[in-house]
Amino acid sequence: MIRTYKRQRIADYCGFCKEGITPDYKDVVHLRRYLTERYLVLPRRYSGVCAKHQRKLTQAVKNARQMALIPYTDVHAL
């Protein structure tokens, strides 16, 4: 049995550039939009974030995890 999955793009533009903000580890509401249900960071091709903001987003998620604002995995969810 072969399973096929549809890849779904969220956006064709960078949401951070459009809103004029930068990813911040304290802004958990915006960060969760770019995480999967298992709390993995979405790649650029799915999230639509530009390369500059993807690097900042990754660092912001790592900092938020270190500060216990975002769980590392779904097993550790708050």
C-alpha atoms as a PDB file:
ATOM      1  CA  MET A   1       0.000   0.000   0.000  1.00  0.00           C
ATOM      2  CA  ILE A   2       1.490   3.293  -1.098  1.00  0.00           C
ATOM      3  CA  ARG A   3       0.614   6.351   0.890  1.00  0.00           C
ATOM      4  CA  THR A   4       0.765   9.754  -0.663  1.00  0.00           C
ATOM      5  CA  TYR A   5       0.657  12.949   1.302  1.00  0.00           C
ATOM      6  CA  LYS A   6      -0.255  16.362   0.042  1.00  0.00           C
ATOM      7  CA  ARG A   7       2.256  19.007   0.899  1.00  0.00           C
ATOM      8  CA  GLN A   8       0.546  22.152   1.965  1.00  0.00           C
ATOM      9  CA  ARG A   9       2.069  25.609   1.803  1.00  0.00           C
ATOM     10  CA  ILE A  10       0.967  28.118   4.380  1.00  0.00           C
ATOM     11  CA  ALA A  11       1.976  31.243   2.492  1.00  0.00           C
ATOM     12  CA  ASP A  12       3.892  32.456  -0.555  1.00  0.00           C
ATOM     13  CA  TYR A  13       5.273  35.457   1.304  1.00  0.00           C
ATOM     14  CA  CYS A  14       7.153  36.078   4.490  1.00  0.00           C
ATOM     15  CA  GLY A  15       4.709  36.892   7.273  1.00  0.00           C
ATOM     16  CA  PHE A  16       7.405  38.681   9.260  1.00  0.00           C
ATOM     17  CA  CYS A  17       8.302  40.970   6.346  1.00  0.00           C
ATOM     18  CA  LYS A  18       4.631  41.711   5.709  1.00  0.00           C
ATOM     19  CA  GLU A  19       3.927  42.615   9.352  1.00  0.00           C
ATOM     20  CA  GLY A  20       7.245  44.390   9.780  1.00  0.00           C
ATOM     21  CA  ILE A  21       8.281  42.416  12.863  1.00  0.00           C
ATOM     22  CA  THR A  22      11.151  40.092  13.697  1.00  0.00           C
ATOM     23  CA  PRO A  23      10.839  36.713  15.426  1.00  0.00           C
ATOM     24  CA  ASP A  24      11.147  37.099  19.190  1.00  0.00           C
ATOM     25  CA  TYR A  25      11.365  34.300  21.741  1.00  0.00           C
ATOM     26  CA  LYS A  26       8.897  36.083  24.043  1.00  0.00           C
ATOM     27  CA  ASP A  27       6.183  36.209  21.367  1.00  0.00           C
ATOM     28  CA  VAL A  28       4.994  32.620  21.727  1.00  0.00           C
ATOM     29  CA  VAL A  29       1.749  33.223  19.815  1.00  0.00           C
ATOM     30  CA  HIS A  30       3.599  34.009  16.585  1.00  0.00           C
ATOM     31  CA  LEU A  31       6.189  31.273  17.128  1.00  0.00           C
ATOM     32  CA  ARG A  32       3.582  28.509  17.487  1.00  0.00           C
ATOM     33  CA  ARG A  33       2.288  29.288  14.016  1.00  0.00           C
ATOM     34  CA  TYR A  34       5.597  28.048  12.590  1.00  0.00           C
ATOM     35  CA  LEU A  35       5.695  24.815  14.635  1.00  0.00           C
ATOM     36  CA  THR A  36       4.116  21.461  13.830  1.00  0.00           C
ATOM     37  CA  GLU A  37       1.818  19.587  16.196  1.00  0.00           C
ATOM     38  CA  ARG A  38       4.926  17.760  17.425  1.00  0.00           C
ATOM     39  CA  TYR A  39       6.650  21.127  18.074  1.00  0.00           C
ATOM     40  CA  LEU A  40       9.138  20.861  15.217  1.00  0.00           C
ATOM     41  CA  VAL A  41      10.057  23.998  13.284  1.00  0.00           C
ATOM     42  CA  LEU A  42       8.471  24.086   9.825  1.00  0.00           C
ATOM     43  CA  PRO A  43      10.925  24.358   6.927  1.00  0.00           C
ATOM     44  CA  ARG A  44      10.925  27.422   4.698  1.00  0.00           C
ATOM     45  CA  ARG A  45       9.228  25.700   1.783  1.00  0.00           C
ATOM     46  CA  TYR A  46       6.116  25.040   3.923  1.00  0.00           C
ATOM     47  CA  SER A  47       6.031  28.140   6.101  1.00  0.00           C
ATOM     48  CA  GLY A  48       6.841  30.690   3.376  1.00  0.00           C
ATOM     49  CA  VAL A  49       9.306  32.598   5.567  1.00  0.00           C
ATOM     50  CA  CYS A  50      12.308  34.254   3.894  1.00  0.00           C
ATOM     51  CA  ALA A  51      15.813  32.952   4.635  1.00  0.00           C
ATOM     52  CA  LYS A  52      16.738  35.876   6.881  1.00  0.00           C
ATOM     53  CA  HIS A  53      13.702  35.461   9.103  1.00  0.00           C
ATOM     54  CA  GLN A  54      13.924  31.644   9.071  1.00  0.00           C
ATOM     55  CA  ARG A  55      17.349  31.857  10.722  1.00  0.00           C
ATOM     56  CA  LYS A  56      16.025  34.300  13.322  1.00  0.00           C
ATOM     57  CA  LEU A  57      12.905  32.168  13.813  1.00  0.00           C
ATOM     58  CA  THR A  58      14.985  29.074  14.517  1.00  0.00           C
ATOM     59  CA  GLN A  59      17.070  30.928  17.115  1.00  0.00           C
ATOM     60  CA  ALA A  60      13.928  32.387  18.701  1.00  0.00           C
ATOM     61  CA  VAL A  61      12.348  28.918  19.002  1.00  0.00           C
ATOM     62  CA  LYS A  62      15.544  27.542  20.546  1.00  0.00           C
ATOM     63  CA  ASN A  63      15.640  30.392  23.059  1.00  0.00           C
ATOM     64  CA  ALA A  64      11.947  29.937  23.896  1.00  0.00           C
ATOM     65  CA  ARG A  65      12.513  26.229  24.482  1.00  0.00           C
ATOM     66  CA  GLN A  66      15.450  26.966  26.755  1.00  0.00           C
ATOM     67  CA  MET A  67      13.290  29.412  28.744  1.00  0.00           C
ATOM     68  CA  ALA A  68      10.486  26.764  28.938  1.00  0.00           C
ATOM     69  CA  LEU A  69       8.016  28.893  26.975  1.00  0.00           C
ATOM     70  CA  ILE A  70       7.663  26.208  24.285  1.00  0.00           C
ATOM     71  CA  PRO A  71       8.046  22.462  24.924  1.00  0.00           C
ATOM     72  CA  TYR A  72      10.722  20.480  23.104  1.00  0.00           C
ATOM     73  CA  THR A  73       8.324  17.712  22.039  1.00  0.00           C
ATOM     74  CA  ASP A  74       4.638  16.884  22.313  1.00  0.00           C
ATOM     75  CA  VAL A  75       5.471  14.459  25.142  1.00  0.00           C
ATOM     76  CA  HIS A  76       6.761  17.407  27.199  1.00  0.00           C
ATOM     77  CA  ALA A  77       3.773  19.650  26.441  1.00  0.00           C
ATOM     78  CA  LEU A  78       2.635  21.874  29.260  1.00  0.00           C
END
